[in-house]
Protein backbone atom coordinates (compact mmCIF):
# COMPACT_ATOMS: atom_id res chain seq x y z
CA MET A 1 -190.81 -146.64 29.54
CA PHE A 2 -192.74 -147.39 32.90
CA LEU A 3 -193.25 -144.34 35.15
CA GLY A 4 -194.30 -145.50 38.62
CA PRO A 5 -195.38 -143.88 42.00
CA LYS A 6 -192.57 -143.10 44.48
CA LYS A 7 -194.23 -145.19 47.13
CA PRO A 8 -196.18 -148.45 46.39
CA PHE A 9 -199.97 -147.72 46.62
CA GLU A 10 -199.71 -144.07 47.41
CA VAL A 11 -202.99 -142.57 48.01
CA LYS A 12 -203.52 -138.78 47.71
CA ALA A 13 -206.93 -138.54 48.98
CA LEU A 14 -209.49 -140.82 50.74
CA THR A 15 -212.98 -140.63 50.90
CA PRO A 16 -214.47 -140.48 54.46
CA GLU A 17 -215.58 -144.31 54.11
CA GLY A 18 -212.12 -145.06 52.53
CA GLU A 19 -210.30 -143.53 55.58
CA ARG A 20 -212.58 -145.43 58.11
CA ARG A 21 -211.83 -148.68 56.31
CA LEU A 22 -208.10 -147.94 56.10
CA MET A 23 -208.03 -147.24 59.84
CA GLU A 24 -209.91 -150.48 60.57
CA LEU A 25 -207.35 -152.40 58.45
CA VAL A 26 -204.50 -150.82 60.53
CA GLY A 27 -206.36 -151.30 63.76
CA PHE A 28 -206.70 -155.19 62.77
CA ARG A 29 -203.18 -155.58 61.90
CA ARG A 30 -202.12 -154.10 65.24
CA TYR A 31 -204.68 -156.32 66.96
CA LEU A 32 -203.13 -159.41 65.45
CA GLN A 33 -199.55 -158.07 66.31
CA ASP A 34 -200.42 -157.03 70.01
CA PHE A 35 -199.71 -160.24 72.16
CA THR A 36 -199.73 -158.03 75.40
CA LEU A 37 -203.43 -158.80 75.86
CA ILE A 38 -203.78 -161.99 74.09
CA ASN A 39 -203.94 -164.07 77.38
CA GLU A 40 -207.12 -161.98 78.27
CA ARG A 41 -208.99 -163.65 75.35
CA ARG A 42 -211.70 -165.97 75.85
CA VAL A 43 -211.87 -169.53 74.57
CA VAL A 44 -214.57 -168.54 72.05
CA GLU A 45 -212.19 -166.05 70.38
CA LEU A 46 -209.64 -168.76 70.13
CA GLU A 47 -211.73 -170.56 67.51
CA LEU A 48 -211.49 -167.21 65.35
CA TRP A 49 -207.80 -167.60 65.16
CA ASP A 50 -207.56 -169.72 62.29
CA ASP A 51 -209.28 -167.19 60.02
CA TYR A 52 -207.21 -164.35 61.73
CA LEU A 53 -204.09 -166.34 60.45
CA VAL A 54 -205.29 -166.09 56.99
CA PHE A 55 -205.63 -162.40 57.33
CA ALA A 56 -202.06 -162.30 59.21
CA ALA A 57 -200.76 -164.02 55.85
CA LEU A 58 -202.19 -161.08 53.96
CA TYR A 59 -200.55 -158.76 56.06
CA GLY A 60 -197.24 -160.54 55.68
CA ILE A 61 -197.14 -161.52 59.44
CA ALA A 62 -198.48 -164.97 59.55
CA GLU A 63 -195.26 -166.79 60.86
CA GLN A 64 -194.86 -164.17 63.73
CA VAL A 65 -198.56 -164.24 64.60
CA ALA A 66 -198.56 -168.15 64.50
CA THR A 67 -195.27 -168.52 66.53
CA GLU A 68 -196.22 -165.93 69.47
CA PHE A 69 -199.84 -167.24 69.41
CA LEU A 70 -198.67 -170.95 69.81
CA ALA A 71 -196.22 -169.87 72.57
CA LEU A 72 -199.50 -169.11 74.58
CA TYR A 73 -201.61 -171.68 73.45
CA PRO A 74 -199.44 -174.68 72.31
CA ASP A 75 -202.36 -176.94 72.08
CA PHE A 76 -204.26 -174.57 69.45
CA ALA A 77 -202.06 -176.15 66.84
CA ASP A 78 -203.77 -179.58 67.32
CA ARG A 79 -207.38 -177.91 66.89
CA SER A 80 -206.33 -175.46 64.09
CA ALA A 81 -207.07 -176.63 60.60
CA VAL A 82 -204.39 -174.12 59.23
CA LEU A 83 -201.55 -175.19 61.67
CA ARG A 84 -202.07 -178.92 61.79
CA GLY A 85 -200.36 -178.78 58.33
CA GLY A 86 -201.44 -179.90 55.01
CA PRO A 87 -203.06 -177.45 52.32
CA GLY A 88 -204.01 -174.92 54.87
CA LEU A 89 -200.52 -174.44 56.10
CA THR A 90 -199.11 -174.51 52.88
CA VAL A 91 -201.46 -172.02 51.51
CA LEU A 92 -200.84 -169.62 54.48
CA ARG A 93 -197.02 -169.80 54.33
CA THR A 94 -197.55 -169.24 50.40
CA VAL A 95 -199.50 -166.21 50.89
CA ASP A 96 -197.21 -164.75 53.61
CA SER A 97 -194.08 -165.45 51.57
CA PHE A 98 -195.81 -163.77 48.43
CA VAL A 99 -196.81 -160.57 50.31
CA GLU A 100 -193.17 -160.39 51.88
CA SER A 101 -191.79 -160.59 48.50
CA PHE A 102 -194.23 -158.57 46.78
CA THR A 103 -193.82 -155.63 49.44
CA LYS A 104 -190.03 -155.69 49.39
CA SER A 105 -189.95 -155.74 45.40
CA SER A 106 -192.34 -152.94 45.44
CA TYR A 107 -190.21 -150.86 47.53
CA ASN A 108 -187.13 -151.73 45.66
CA SER A 109 -188.70 -151.19 42.28
CA SER A 110 -189.92 -147.65 43.54
CA SER A 111 -186.62 -146.34 45.26
CA GLY A 112 -183.84 -144.69 43.20
CA GLY A 113 -184.53 -144.58 39.52
CA SER A 114 -187.86 -143.50 37.98
CA SER A 115 -188.08 -145.04 34.72
CA PHE A 116 -187.55 -148.57 33.41
CA SER A 117 -187.05 -149.71 29.72
CA GLY A 118 -186.77 -153.33 29.11
CA GLY A 119 -185.50 -155.18 26.29
CA GLY A 120 -187.17 -155.63 23.10
CA GLY A 121 -187.49 -158.71 21.42
CA GLY A 122 -190.35 -160.92 20.07
CA SER A 123 -190.10 -163.89 18.13
CA SER A 124 -190.44 -165.08 14.62
CA GLY A 125 -191.88 -168.59 14.15
CA GLY A 126 -191.22 -170.84 11.22
CA GLY A 127 -193.59 -170.97 8.30
CA SER A 128 -196.11 -173.38 7.31
CA GLY A 129 -194.44 -175.67 4.98
CA GLY A 130 -192.89 -174.27 1.92
CA GLY A 131 -192.76 -175.29 -1.62
CA GLU A 132 -194.59 -173.63 -4.42
CA ARG A 133 -198.26 -172.99 -5.12
């Protein structure tokens, strides 16, 4: 039997340091999603967006961030190691998809029932030859 939390990653108490770091992560996610100020960014900051897209994938918002960013800076796709395609884009999409699937399955598995029982099973393999000793 498996008893899990009612909410995935539920935290009852944070240390002051943990609370500060959580707020930084939440703030960074909001920053990635806030495109009202993106046109005020300097060109130097544009170079950071390859790294930011990796973090956006970890938050499960990479496709949204990339789409909105490219609407403002279409030529960035030519300069971006991640968006040009190849392994970088594949990894980005894979991580983004994994995070989205993981989040959905966590919420689905934690809602409703509070226990899980799986089938038994096992296997028995063949012997080692046979015959007499």
